[in-house]
Amino acid sequence: MTTNPFVQSNELKIIYGIAIIVSIIKLNIGIGFIVGLTASLVHQLLFARYVDKILFEEKFSVFIFTIGYIFRFMILAAAIASAFLLPDYISIYGVIFGLFVLKLWLYVKELALKKGENR
């Protein structure tokens, strides 16, 4: 299995660097940002792996789809629940921002690619 280029991107390293800088400034928000970003990254990688399995290996099972969907949802729910269980260490605002920043980054990256195609 080859490594995912999404994990090795420089932009992702920059985002994690920003999260570390934020945790130096305000620890619980930075840790929440890291937790949310990591949960979002794991969710995205599992989803991409599942879509690859459907499209390229042509394997689809309703049971596996349902279990995968529940597992991916539980990863996101665990990230948010960690903020409620440990509010002194993990900020809910940091977790929510971490969950959204990866999606926003992917949308901006896709828009940049589409804008480059129109030229």
PDB file of N, CA and C in Angstrom:
ATOM      1  N   MET A   1       0.843  -1.178   0.000  1.00  0.00           N
ATOM      2  CA  MET A   1       0.000   0.000   0.000  1.00  0.00           C
ATOM      3  C   MET A   1       0.886   1.239   0.000  1.00  0.00           C
ATOM      4  N   THR A   2       0.594   2.158  -0.865  1.00  0.00           N
ATOM      5  CA  THR A   2       1.395   3.371  -0.944  1.00  0.00           C
ATOM      6  C   THR A   2       0.922   4.374   0.094  1.00  0.00           C
ATOM      7  N   THR A   3       1.823   5.273   0.456  1.00  0.00           N
ATOM      8  CA  THR A   3       1.437   6.295   1.420  1.00  0.00           C
ATOM      9  C   THR A   3       0.590   7.351   0.727  1.00  0.00           C
ATOM     10  N   ASN A   4      -0.276   7.937   1.476  1.00  0.00           N
ATOM     11  CA  ASN A   4      -1.185   8.945   0.947  1.00  0.00           C
ATOM     12  C   ASN A   4      -0.443  10.277   0.830  1.00  0.00           C
ATOM     13  N   PRO A   5      -0.454  10.899  -0.350  1.00  0.00           N
ATOM     14  CA  PRO A   5       0.237  12.191  -0.496  1.00  0.00           C
ATOM     15  C   PRO A   5      -0.416  13.294   0.326  1.00  0.00           C
ATOM     16  N   PHE A   6      -1.656  13.084   0.706  1.00  0.00           N
ATOM     17  CA  PHE A   6      -2.374  14.047   1.533  1.00  0.00           C
ATOM     18  C   PHE A   6      -1.689  14.210   2.882  1.00  0.00           C
ATOM     19  N   VAL A   7      -1.177  13.125   3.441  1.00  0.00           N
ATOM     20  CA  VAL A   7      -0.517  13.159   4.741  1.00  0.00           C
ATOM     21  C   VAL A   7       0.845  13.835   4.641  1.00  0.00           C
ATOM     22  N   GLN A   8       1.504  13.712   3.512  1.00  0.00           N
ATOM     23  CA  GLN A   8       2.852  14.234   3.360  1.00  0.00           C
ATOM     24  C   GLN A   8       2.896  15.656   2.807  1.00  0.00           C
ATOM     25  N   SER A   9       1.767  16.321   2.702  1.00  0.00           N
ATOM     26  CA  SER A   9       1.750  17.659   2.120  1.00  0.00           C
ATOM     27  C   SER A   9       2.351  18.681   3.075  1.00  0.00           C
ATOM     28  N   ASN A  10       2.981  19.676   2.500  1.00  0.00           N
ATOM     29  CA  ASN A  10       3.598  20.737   3.294  1.00  0.00           C
ATOM     30  C   ASN A  10       2.554  21.605   3.980  1.00  0.00           C
ATOM     31  N   GLU A  11       1.394  21.781   3.336  1.00  0.00           N
ATOM     32  CA  GLU A  11       0.349  22.591   3.944  1.00  0.00           C
ATOM     33  C   GLU A  11      -0.137  21.991   5.249  1.00  0.00           C
ATOM     34  N   LEU A  12      -0.236  20.660   5.296  1.00  0.00           N
ATOM     35  CA  LEU A  12      -0.668  19.986   6.527  1.00  0.00           C
ATOM     36  C   LEU A  12       0.365  20.167   7.633  1.00  0.00           C
ATOM     37  N   LYS A  13       1.633  20.136   7.267  1.00  0.00           N
ATOM     38  CA  LYS A  13       2.685  20.377   8.258  1.00  0.00           C
ATOM     39  C   LYS A  13       2.612  21.809   8.782  1.00  0.00           C
ATOM     40  N   ILE A  14       2.281  22.737   7.906  1.00  0.00           N
ATOM     41  CA  ILE A  14       2.135  24.137   8.323  1.00  0.00           C
ATOM     42  C   ILE A  14       0.949  24.286   9.276  1.00  0.00           C
ATOM     43  N   ILE A  15      -0.154  23.608   8.967  1.00  0.00           N
ATOM     44  CA  ILE A  15      -1.331  23.690   9.840  1.00  0.00           C
ATOM     45  C   ILE A  15      -1.016  23.117  11.219  1.00  0.00           C
ATOM     46  N   TYR A  16      -0.306  21.983  11.262  1.00  0.00           N
ATOM     47  CA  TYR A  16       0.088  21.430  12.560  1.00  0.00           C
ATOM     48  C   TYR A  16       1.072  22.358  13.276  1.00  0.00           C
ATOM     49  N   GLY A  17       1.935  23.023  12.534  1.00  0.00           N
ATOM     50  CA  GLY A  17       2.839  24.006  13.137  1.00  0.00           C
ATOM     51  C   GLY A  17       2.077  25.159  13.754  1.00  0.00           C
ATOM     52  N   ILE A  18       1.043  25.615  13.056  1.00  0.00           N
ATOM     53  CA  ILE A  18       0.191  26.674  13.619  1.00  0.00           C
ATOM     54  C   ILE A  18      -0.498  26.177  14.886  1.00  0.00           C
ATOM     55  N   ALA A  19      -0.931  24.929  14.882  1.00  0.00           N
ATOM     56  CA  ALA A  19      -1.578  24.365  16.071  1.00  0.00           C
ATOM     57  C   ALA A  19      -0.612  24.312  17.253  1.00  0.00           C
ATOM     58  N   ILE A  20       0.642  23.995  16.989  1.00  0.00           N
ATOM     59  CA  ILE A  20       1.641  23.957  18.068  1.00  0.00           C
ATOM     60  C   ILE A  20       1.909  25.368  18.588  1.00  0.00           C
ATOM     61  N   ILE A  21       1.968  26.336  17.687  1.00  0.00           N
ATOM     62  CA  ILE A  21       2.165  27.723  18.117  1.00  0.00           C
ATOM     63  C   ILE A  21       0.980  28.202  18.952  1.00  0.00           C
ATOM     64  N   VAL A  22      -0.226  27.844  18.545  1.00  0.00           N
ATOM     65  CA  VAL A  22      -1.410  28.219  19.314  1.00  0.00           C
ATOM     66  C   VAL A  22      -1.378  27.556  20.682  1.00  0.00           C
ATOM     67  N   SER A  23      -0.900  26.315  20.760  1.00  0.00           N
ATOM     68  CA  SER A  23      -0.843  25.642  22.062  1.00  0.00           C
ATOM     69  C   SER A  23       0.210  26.265  22.973  1.00  0.00           C
ATOM     70  N   ILE A  24       1.222  26.905  22.406  1.00  0.00           N
ATOM     71  CA  ILE A  24       2.195  27.627  23.236  1.00  0.00           C
ATOM     72  C   ILE A  24       1.540  28.883  23.811  1.00  0.00           C
ATOM     73  N   ILE A  25       0.701  29.527  23.008  1.00  0.00           N
ATOM     74  CA  ILE A  25       0.036  30.742  23.463  1.00  0.00           C
ATOM     75  C   ILE A  25      -1.076  30.419  24.461  1.00  0.00           C
ATOM     76  N   LYS A  26      -1.986  29.537  24.092  1.00  0.00           N
ATOM     77  CA  LYS A  26      -3.108  29.134  24.946  1.00  0.00           C
ATOM     78  C   LYS A  26      -3.235  27.626  24.850  1.00  0.00           C
ATOM     79  N   LEU A  27      -2.800  26.918  25.894  1.00  0.00           N
ATOM     80  CA  LEU A  27      -2.619  25.475  25.851  1.00  0.00           C
ATOM     81  C   LEU A  27      -3.894  24.717  25.503  1.00  0.00           C
ATOM     82  N   ASN A  28      -5.004  25.011  26.169  1.00  0.00           N
ATOM     83  CA  ASN A  28      -6.191  24.188  25.938  1.00  0.00           C
ATOM     84  C   ASN A  28      -6.787  24.402  24.546  1.00  0.00           C
ATOM     85  N   ILE A  29      -6.692  25.602  23.999  1.00  0.00           N
ATOM     86  CA  ILE A  29      -7.179  25.835  22.632  1.00  0.00           C
ATOM     87  C   ILE A  29      -6.268  25.124  21.625  1.00  0.00           C
ATOM     88  N   GLY A  30      -4.971  25.182  21.841  1.00  0.00           N
ATOM     89  CA  GLY A  30      -4.028  24.507  20.941  1.00  0.00           C
ATOM     90  C   GLY A  30      -4.192  23.006  20.961  1.00  0.00           C
ATOM     91  N   ILE A  31      -4.367  22.430  22.148  1.00  0.00           N
ATOM     92  CA  ILE A  31      -4.574  20.984  22.238  1.00  0.00           C
ATOM     93  C   ILE A  31      -5.896  20.603  21.580  1.00  0.00           C
ATOM     94  N   GLY A  32      -6.934  21.415  21.788  1.00  0.00           N
ATOM     95  CA  GLY A  32      -8.202  21.165  21.115  1.00  0.00           C
ATOM     96  C   GLY A  32      -8.065  21.227  19.608  1.00  0.00           C
ATOM     97  N   PHE A  33      -7.285  22.192  19.128  1.00  0.00           N
ATOM     98  CA  PHE A  33      -7.037  22.326  17.688  1.00  0.00           C
ATOM     99  C   PHE A  33      -6.330  21.089  17.152  1.00  0.00           C
ATOM    100  N   ILE A  34      -5.349  20.598  17.879  1.00  0.00           N
ATOM    101  CA  ILE A  34      -4.625  19.397  17.452  1.00  0.00           C
ATOM    102  C   ILE A  34      -5.544  18.181  17.468  1.00  0.00           C
ATOM    103  N   VAL A  35      -6.364  18.047  18.507  1.00  0.00           N
ATOM    104  CA  VAL A  35      -7.300  16.919  18.590  1.00  0.00           C
ATOM    105  C   VAL A  35      -8.296  16.961  17.431  1.00  0.00           C
ATOM    106  N   GLY A  36      -8.881  18.125  17.183  1.00  0.00           N
ATOM    107  CA  GLY A  36      -9.838  18.258  16.089  1.00  0.00           C
ATOM    108  C   GLY A  36      -9.206  18.029  14.727  1.00  0.00           C
ATOM    109  N   LEU A  37      -8.023  18.556  14.529  1.00  0.00           N
ATOM    110  CA  LEU A  37      -7.326  18.385  13.260  1.00  0.00           C
ATOM    111  C   LEU A  37      -6.962  16.929  13.020  1.00  0.00           C
ATOM    112  N   THR A  38      -6.503  16.257  14.057  1.00  0.00           N
ATOM    113  CA  THR A  38      -6.143  14.843  13.921  1.00  0.00           C
ATOM    114  C   THR A  38      -7.378  13.986  13.658  1.00  0.00           C
ATOM    115  N   ALA A  39      -8.468  14.256  14.367  1.00  0.00           N
ATOM    116  CA  ALA A  39      -9.699  13.500  14.135  1.00  0.00           C
ATOM    117  C   ALA A  39     -10.209  13.721  12.716  1.00  0.00           C
ATOM    118  N   SER A  40     -10.151  14.941  12.246  1.00  0.00           N
ATOM    119  CA  SER A  40     -10.591  15.244  10.893  1.00  0.00           C
ATOM    120  C   SER A  40      -9.696  14.571   9.859  1.00  0.00           C
ATOM    121  N   LEU A  41      -8.399  14.547  10.118  1.00  0.00           N
ATOM    122  CA  LEU A  41      -7.462  13.897   9.201  1.00  0.00           C
ATOM    123  C   LEU A  41      -7.708  12.391   9.136  1.00  0.00           C
ATOM    124  N   VAL A  42      -7.902  11.761  10.284  1.00  0.00           N
ATOM    125  CA  VAL A  42      -8.180  10.320  10.310  1.00  0.00           C
ATOM    126  C   VAL A  42      -9.502  10.035   9.597  1.00  0.00           C
ATOM    127  N   HIS A  43     -10.503  10.859   9.839  1.00  0.00           N
ATOM    128  CA  HIS A  43     -11.792  10.697   9.162  1.00  0.00           C
ATOM    129  C   HIS A  43     -11.617  10.797   7.655  1.00  0.00           C
ATOM    130  N   GLN A  44     -10.884  11.790   7.199  1.00  0.00           N
ATOM    131  CA  GLN A  44     -10.681  11.997   5.767  1.00  0.00           C
ATOM    132  C   GLN A  44      -9.901  10.847   5.137  1.00  0.00           C
ATOM    133  N   LEU A  45      -8.878  10.351   5.821  1.00  0.00           N
ATOM    134  CA  LEU A  45      -8.081   9.249   5.274  1.00  0.00           C
ATOM    135  C   LEU A  45      -8.887   7.958   5.197  1.00  0.00           C
ATOM    136  N   LEU A  46      -9.701   7.683   6.218  1.00  0.00           N
ATOM    137  CA  LEU A  46     -10.549   6.491   6.179  1.00  0.00           C
ATOM    138  C   LEU A  46     -11.586   6.593   5.067  1.00  0.00           C
ATOM    139  N   PHE A  47     -12.143   7.781   4.884  1.00  0.00           N
ATOM    140  CA  PHE A  47     -13.120   7.973   3.820  1.00  0.00           C
ATOM    141  C   PHE A  47     -12.471   7.795   2.445  1.00  0.00           C
ATOM    142  N   ALA A  48     -11.283   8.362   2.248  1.00  0.00           N
ATOM    143  CA  ALA A  48     -10.579   8.222   0.964  1.00  0.00           C
ATOM    144  C   ALA A  48     -10.216   6.768   0.701  1.00  0.00           C
ATOM    145  N   ARG A  49      -9.823   6.073   1.744  1.00  0.00           N
ATOM    146  CA  ARG A  49      -9.482   4.650   1.580  1.00  0.00           C
ATOM    147  C   ARG A  49     -10.713   3.845   1.189  1.00  0.00           C
ATOM    148  N   TYR A  50     -11.849   4.161   1.814  1.00  0.00           N
ATOM    149  CA  TYR A  50     -13.074   3.447   1.492  1.00  0.00           C
ATOM    150  C   TYR A  50     -13.526   3.736   0.064  1.00  0.00           C
ATOM    151  N   VAL A  51     -13.450   4.978  -0.363  1.00  0.00           N
ATOM    152  CA  VAL A  51     -13.846   5.327  -1.728  1.00  0.00           C
ATOM    153  C   VAL A  51     -12.912   4.660  -2.732  1.00  0.00           C
ATOM    154  N   ASP A  52     -11.624   4.603  -2.438  1.00  0.00           N
ATOM    155  CA  ASP A  52     -10.686   3.896  -3.317  1.00  0.00           C
ATOM    156  C   ASP A  52     -11.047   2.425  -3.429  1.00  0.00           C
ATOM    157  N   LYS A  53     -11.439   1.833  -2.318  1.00  0.00           N
ATOM    158  CA  LYS A  53     -11.807   0.414  -2.335  1.00  0.00           C
ATOM    159  C   LYS A  53     -13.049   0.199  -3.192  1.00  0.00           C
ATOM    160  N   ILE A  54     -13.999   1.103  -3.108  1.00  0.00           N
ATOM    161  CA  ILE A  54     -15.211   0.971  -3.918  1.00  0.00           C
ATOM    162  C   ILE A  54     -14.903   1.171  -5.398  1.00  0.00           C
ATOM    163  N   LEU A  55     -14.149   2.223  -5.726  1.00  0.00           N
ATOM    164  CA  LEU A  55     -13.942   2.570  -7.123  1.00  0.00           C
ATOM    165  C   LEU A  55     -12.934   1.676  -7.832  1.00  0.00           C
ATOM    166  N   PHE A  56     -11.833   1.353  -7.175  1.00  0.00           N
ATOM    167  CA  PHE A  56     -10.759   0.651  -7.864  1.00  0.00           C
ATOM    168  C   PHE A  56     -10.788  -0.856  -7.652  1.00  0.00           C
ATOM    169  N   GLU A  57     -11.251  -1.298  -6.497  1.00  0.00           N
ATOM    170  CA  GLU A  57     -11.337  -2.732  -6.263  1.00  0.00           C
ATOM    171  C   GLU A  57     -12.749  -3.252  -6.494  1.00  0.00           C
ATOM    172  N   GLU A  58     -13.686  -2.325  -6.713  1.00  0.00           N
ATOM    173  CA  GLU A  58     -15.080  -2.644  -6.984  1.00  0.00           C
ATOM    174  C   GLU A  58     -15.675  -3.581  -5.942  1.00  0.00           C
ATOM    175  N   LYS A  59     -15.382  -3.268  -4.679  1.00  0.00           N
ATOM    176  CA  LYS A  59     -15.945  -4.040  -3.567  1.00  0.00           C
ATOM    177  C   LYS A  59     -16.882  -3.120  -2.790  1.00  0.00           C
ATOM    178  N   PHE A  60     -18.145  -3.478  -2.762  1.00  0.00           N
ATOM    179  CA  PHE A  60     -19.111  -2.695  -1.994  1.00  0.00           C
ATOM    180  C   PHE A  60     -19.971  -3.642  -1.187  1.00  0.00           C
ATOM    181  N   SER A  61     -20.103  -3.318   0.068  1.00  0.00           N
ATOM    182  CA  SER A  61     -20.961  -4.070   0.964  1.00  0.00           C
ATOM    183  C   SER A  61     -21.714  -3.072   1.822  1.00  0.00           C
ATOM    184  N   VAL A  62     -22.998  -3.237   1.920  1.00  0.00           N
ATOM    185  CA  VAL A  62     -23.802  -2.323   2.721  1.00  0.00           C
ATOM    186  C   VAL A  62     -23.382  -2.420   4.184  1.00  0.00           C
ATOM    187  N   PHE A  63     -23.083  -3.619   4.651  1.00  0.00           N
ATOM    188  CA  PHE A  63     -22.677  -3.803   6.043  1.00  0.00           C
ATOM    189  C   PHE A  63     -21.365  -3.077   6.325  1.00  0.00           C
ATOM    190  N   ILE A  64     -20.380  -3.244   5.453  1.00  0.00           N
ATOM    191  CA  ILE A  64     -19.087  -2.584   5.648  1.00  0.00           C
ATOM    192  C   ILE A  64     -19.248  -1.071   5.523  1.00  0.00           C
ATOM    193  N   PHE A  65     -20.099  -0.619   4.600  1.00  0.00           N
ATOM    194  CA  PHE A  65     -20.356   0.804   4.467  1.00  0.00           C
ATOM    195  C   PHE A  65     -20.948   1.371   5.759  1.00  0.00           C
ATOM    196  N   THR A  66     -21.907   0.664   6.341  1.00  0.00           N
ATOM    197  CA  THR A  66     -22.559   1.128   7.563  1.00  0.00           C
ATOM    198  C   THR A  66     -21.584   1.141   8.730  1.00  0.00           C
ATOM    199  N   ILE A  67     -20.812   0.096   8.878  1.00  0.00           N
ATOM    200  CA  ILE A  67     -19.820   0.031   9.960  1.00  0.00           C
ATOM    201  C   ILE A  67     -18.774   1.120   9.784  1.00  0.00           C
ATOM    202  N   GLY A  68     -18.309   1.329   8.567  1.00  0.00           N
ATOM    203  CA  GLY A  68     -17.328   2.383   8.301  1.00  0.00           C
ATOM    204  C   GLY A  68     -17.874   3.762   8.596  1.00  0.00           C
ATOM    205  N   TYR A  69     -19.125   3.992   8.222  1.00  0.00           N
ATOM    206  CA  TYR A  69     -19.759   5.282   8.481  1.00  0.00           C
ATOM    207  C   TYR A  69     -19.887   5.527   9.978  1.00  0.00           C
ATOM    208  N   ILE A  70     -20.318   4.523  10.713  1.00  0.00           N
ATOM    209  CA  ILE A  70     -20.455   4.649  12.169  1.00  0.00           C
ATOM    210  C   ILE A  70     -19.090   4.872  12.812  1.00  0.00           C
ATOM    211  N   PHE A  71     -18.075   4.153  12.364  1.00  0.00           N
ATOM    212  CA  PHE A  71     -16.729   4.297  12.929  1.00  0.00           C
ATOM    213  C   PHE A  71     -16.171   5.690  12.662  1.00  0.00           C
ATOM    214  N   ARG A  72     -16.360   6.195  11.440  1.00  0.00           N
ATOM    215  CA  ARG A  72     -15.872   7.537  11.126  1.00  0.00           C
ATOM    216  C   ARG A  72     -16.624   8.593  11.934  1.00  0.00           C
ATOM    217  N   PHE A  73     -17.917   8.393  12.114  1.00  0.00           N
ATOM    218  CA  PHE A  73     -18.695   9.315  12.929  1.00  0.00           C
ATOM    219  C   PHE A  73     -18.240   9.263  14.389  1.00  0.00           C
ATOM    220  N   MET A  74     -17.925   8.092  14.882  1.00  0.00           N
ATOM    221  CA  MET A  74     -17.483   7.950  16.269  1.00  0.00           C
ATOM    222  C   MET A  74     -16.137   8.638  16.500  1.00  0.00           C
ATOM    223  N   ILE A  75     -15.287   8.678  15.500  1.00  0.00           N
ATOM    224  CA  ILE A  75     -14.015   9.396  15.630  1.00  0.00           C
ATOM    225  C   ILE A  75     -14.283  10.883  15.848  1.00  0.00           C
ATOM    226  N   LEU A  76     -15.173  11.451  15.056  1.00  0.00           N
ATOM    227  CA  LEU A  76     -15.510  12.865  15.214  1.00  0.00           C
ATOM    228  C   LEU A  76     -16.221  13.118  16.544  1.00  0.00           C
ATOM    229  N   ALA A  77     -17.111  12.213  16.923  1.00  0.00           N
ATOM    230  CA  ALA A  77     -17.825  12.364  18.193  1.00  0.00           C
ATOM    231  C   ALA A  77     -16.875  12.240  19.377  1.00  0.00           C
ATOM    232  N   ALA A  78     -15.875  11.371  19.272  1.00  0.00           N
ATOM    233  CA  ALA A  78     -14.898  11.212  20.356  1.00  0.00           C
ATOM    234  C   ALA A  78     -14.061  12.480  20.525  1.00  0.00           C
ATOM    235  N   ALA A  79     -13.740  13.126  19.418  1.00  0.00           N
ATOM    236  CA  ALA A  79     -12.976  14.382  19.505  1.00  0.00           C
ATOM    237  C   ALA A  79     -13.788  15.449  20.232  1.00  0.00           C
ATOM    238  N   ILE A  80     -15.065  15.555  19.897  1.00  0.00           N
ATOM    239  CA  ILE A  80     -15.906  16.544  20.559  1.00  0.00           C
ATOM    240  C   ILE A  80     -16.170  16.149  22.006  1.00  0.00           C
ATOM    241  N   ALA A  81     -16.388  14.866  22.257  1.00  0.00           N
ATOM    242  CA  ALA A  81     -16.638  14.401  23.621  1.00  0.00           C
ATOM    243  C   ALA A  81     -15.422  14.621  24.518  1.00  0.00           C
ATOM    244  N   SER A  82     -14.230  14.517  23.946  1.00  0.00           N
ATOM    245  CA  SER A  82     -13.031  14.749  24.753  1.00  0.00           C
ATOM    246  C   SER A  82     -12.989  16.170  25.284  1.00  0.00           C
ATOM    247  N   ALA A  83     -13.520  17.114  24.503  1.00  0.00           N
ATOM    248  CA  ALA A  83     -13.564  18.501  24.963  1.00  0.00           C
ATOM    249  C   ALA A  83     -14.565  18.678  26.095  1.00  0.00           C
ATOM    250  N   PHE A  84     -15.649  17.917  26.067  1.00  0.00           N
ATOM    251  CA  PHE A  84     -16.620  18.005  27.152  1.00  0.00           C
ATOM    252  C   PHE A  84     -16.148  17.273  28.403  1.00  0.00           C
ATOM    253  N   LEU A  85     -15.400  16.188  28.220  1.00  0.00           N
ATOM    254  CA  LEU A  85     -14.928  15.419  29.364  1.00  0.00           C
ATOM    255  C   LEU A  85     -13.720  16.061  30.044  1.00  0.00           C
ATOM    256  N   LEU A  86     -12.884  16.736  29.269  1.00  0.00           N
ATOM    257  CA  LEU A  86     -11.674  17.371  29.794  1.00  0.00           C
ATOM    258  C   LEU A  86     -11.633  18.848  29.410  1.00  0.00           C
ATOM    259  N   PRO A  87     -12.578  19.656  29.890  1.00  0.00           N
ATOM    260  CA  PRO A  87     -12.631  21.047  29.437  1.00  0.00           C
ATOM    261  C   PRO A  87     -11.450  21.894  29.895  1.00  0.00           C
ATOM    262  N   ASP A  88     -10.745  21.474  30.951  1.00  0.00           N
ATOM    263  CA  ASP A  88      -9.583  22.239  31.395  1.00  0.00           C
ATOM    264  C   ASP A  88      -8.384  22.057  30.467  1.00  0.00           C
ATOM    265  N   TYR A  89      -8.336  20.927  29.764  1.00  0.00           N
ATOM    266  CA  TYR A  89      -7.194  20.618  28.909  1.00  0.00           C
ATOM    267  C   TYR A  89      -7.487  20.767  27.422  1.00  0.00           C
ATOM    268  N   ILE A  90      -8.744  20.556  27.039  1.00  0.00           N
ATOM    269  CA  ILE A  90      -9.114  20.581  25.620  1.00  0.00           C
ATOM    270  C   ILE A  90     -10.280  21.545  25.440  1.00  0.00           C
ATOM    271  N   SER A  91     -10.102  22.549  24.634  1.00  0.00           N
ATOM    272  CA  SER A  91     -11.134  23.546  24.381  1.00  0.00           C
ATOM    273  C   SER A  91     -12.063  23.071  23.270  1.00  0.00           C
ATOM    274  N   ILE A  92     -13.362  23.233  23.485  1.00  0.00           N
ATOM    275  CA  ILE A  92     -14.336  22.855  22.459  1.00  0.00           C
ATOM    276  C   ILE A  92     -14.185  23.730  21.225  1.00  0.00           C
ATOM    277  N   TYR A  93     -13.819  24.990  21.414  1.00  0.00           N
ATOM    278  CA  TYR A  93     -13.620  25.890  20.272  1.00  0.00           C
ATOM    279  C   TYR A  93     -12.434  25.447  19.418  1.00  0.00           C
ATOM    280  N   GLY A  94     -11.381  24.990  20.077  1.00  0.00           N
ATOM    281  CA  GLY A  94     -10.229  24.483  19.338  1.00  0.00           C
ATOM    282  C   GLY A  94     -10.558  23.222  18.563  1.00  0.00           C
ATOM    283  N   VAL A  95     -11.342  22.333  19.175  1.00  0.00           N
ATOM    284  CA  VAL A  95     -11.727  21.088  18.497  1.00  0.00           C
ATOM    285  C   VAL A  95     -12.583  21.388  17.275  1.00  0.00           C
ATOM    286  N   ILE A  96     -13.567  22.240  17.440  1.00  0.00           N
ATOM    287  CA  ILE A  96     -14.449  22.580  16.319  1.00  0.00           C
ATOM    288  C   ILE A  96     -13.653  23.244  15.202  1.00  0.00           C
ATOM    289  N   PHE A  97     -12.758  24.168  15.553  1.00  0.00           N
ATOM    290  CA  PHE A  97     -11.930  24.811  14.535  1.00  0.00           C
ATOM    291  C   PHE A  97     -11.033  23.787  13.845  1.00  0.00           C
ATOM    292  N   GLY A  98     -10.474  22.856  14.616  1.00  0.00           N
ATOM    293  CA  GLY A  98      -9.632  21.813  14.029  1.00  0.00           C
ATOM    294  C   GLY A  98     -10.405  20.905  13.085  1.00  0.00           C
ATOM    295  N   LEU A  99     -11.669  20.627  13.410  1.00  0.00           N
ATOM    296  CA  LEU A  99     -12.490  19.799  12.532  1.00  0.00           C
ATOM    297  C   LEU A  99     -12.812  20.516  11.224  1.00  0.00           C
ATOM    298  N   PHE A 100     -13.007  21.824  11.286  1.00  0.00           N
ATOM    299  CA  PHE A 100     -13.390  22.569  10.091  1.00  0.00           C
ATOM    300  C   PHE A 100     -12.216  23.031   9.245  1.00  0.00           C
ATOM    301  N   VAL A 101     -11.059  23.260   9.845  1.00  0.00           N
ATOM    302  CA  VAL A 101      -9.952  23.853   9.089  1.00  0.00           C
ATOM    303  C   VAL A 101      -9.459  22.904   7.993  1.00  0.00           C
ATOM    304  N   LEU A 102      -9.497  21.612   8.233  1.00  0.00           N
ATOM    305  CA  LEU A 102      -9.056  20.672   7.205  1.00  0.00           C
ATOM    306  C   LEU A 102     -10.016  20.685   6.016  1.00  0.00           C
ATOM    307  N   LYS A 103     -11.300  20.717   6.287  1.00  0.00           N
ATOM    308  CA  LYS A 103     -12.289  20.779   5.201  1.00  0.00           C
ATOM    309  C   LYS A 103     -12.152  22.086   4.421  1.00  0.00           C
ATOM    310  N   LEU A 104     -11.997  23.180   5.131  1.00  0.00           N
ATOM    311  CA  LEU A 104     -11.830  24.470   4.454  1.00  0.00           C
ATOM    312  C   LEU A 104     -10.579  24.486   3.598  1.00  0.00           C
ATOM    313  N   TRP A 105      -9.508  23.911   4.118  1.00  0.00           N
ATOM    314  CA  TRP A 105      -8.262  23.854   3.363  1.00  0.00           C
ATOM    315  C   TRP A 105      -8.447  23.029   2.088  1.00  0.00           C
ATOM    316  N   LEU A 106      -9.177  21.919   2.171  1.00  0.00           N
ATOM    317  CA  LEU A 106      -9.412  21.101   0.988  1.00  0.00           C
ATOM    318  C   LEU A 106     -10.262  21.841  -0.046  1.00  0.00           C
ATOM    319  N   TYR A 107     -11.265  22.586   0.403  1.00  0.00           N
ATOM    320  CA  TYR A 107     -12.091  23.360  -0.525  1.00  0.00           C
ATOM    321  C   TYR A 107     -11.269  24.447  -1.213  1.00  0.00           C
ATOM    322  N   VAL A 108     -10.441  25.146  -0.457  1.00  0.00           N
ATOM    323  CA  VAL A 108      -9.610  26.209  -1.041  1.00  0.00           C
ATOM    324  C   VAL A 108      -8.614  25.607  -2.030  1.00  0.00           C
ATOM    325  N   LYS A 109      -8.043  24.472  -1.681  1.00  0.00           N
ATOM    326  CA  LYS A 109      -7.089  23.820  -2.574  1.00  0.00           C
ATOM    327  C   LYS A 109      -7.779  23.381  -3.868  1.00  0.00           C
ATOM    328  N   GLU A 110      -8.992  22.867  -3.758  1.00  0.00           N
ATOM    329  CA  GLU A 110      -9.743  22.455  -4.941  1.00  0.00           C
ATOM    330  C   GLU A 110     -10.122  23.659  -5.804  1.00  0.00           C
ATOM    331  N   LEU A 111     -10.510  24.751  -5.172  1.00  0.00           N
ATOM    332  CA  LEU A 111     -10.823  25.961  -5.936  1.00  0.00           C
ATOM    333  C   LEU A 111      -9.594  26.496  -6.660  1.00  0.00           C
ATOM    334  N   ALA A 112      -8.443  26.409  -6.018  1.00  0.00           N
ATOM    335  CA  ALA A 112      -7.209  26.858  -6.663  1.00  0.00           C
ATOM    336  C   ALA A 112      -6.890  25.977  -7.875  1.00  0.00           C
ATOM    337  N   LEU A 113      -7.142  24.681  -7.763  1.00  0.00           N
ATOM    338  CA  LEU A 113      -6.906  23.791  -8.898  1.00  0.00           C
ATOM    339  C   LEU A 113      -7.870  24.087 -10.046  1.00  0.00           C
ATOM    340  N   LYS A 114      -9.138  24.330  -9.724  1.00  0.00           N
ATOM    341  CA  LYS A 114     -10.118  24.644 -10.753  1.00  0.00           C
ATOM    342  C   LYS A 114      -9.826  25.975 -11.425  1.00  0.00           C
ATOM    343  N   LYS A 115      -9.374  26.948 -10.635  1.00  0.00           N
ATOM    344  CA  LYS A 115      -9.034  28.251 -11.209  1.00  0.00           C
ATOM    345  C   LYS A 115      -7.839  28.121 -12.133  1.00  0.00           C
ATOM    346  N   GLY A 116      -6.882  27.250 -11.785  1.00  0.00           N
ATOM    347  CA  GLY A 116      -5.731  27.026 -12.640  1.00  0.00           C
ATOM    348  C   GLY A 116      -6.100  26.328 -13.935  1.00  0.00           C
ATOM    349  N   GLU A 117      -7.143  25.492 -13.917  1.00  0.00           N
ATOM    350  CA  GLU A 117      -7.573  24.804 -15.131  1.00  0.00           C
ATOM    351  C   GLU A 117      -8.230  25.742 -16.111  1.00  0.00           C
ATOM    352  N   ASN A 118      -8.870  26.796 -15.634  1.00  0.00           N
ATOM    353  CA  ASN A 118      -9.575  27.731 -16.509  1.00  0.00           C
ATOM    354  C   ASN A 118      -8.626  28.633 -17.281  1.00  0.00           C
ATOM    355  N   ARG A 119      -7.400  28.712 -16.883  1.00  0.00           N
ATOM    356  CA  ARG A 119      -6.451  29.598 -17.567  1.00  0.00           C
ATOM    357  C   ARG A 119      -5.901  28.994 -18.798  1.00  0.00           C
TER     358      ARG A 119
END
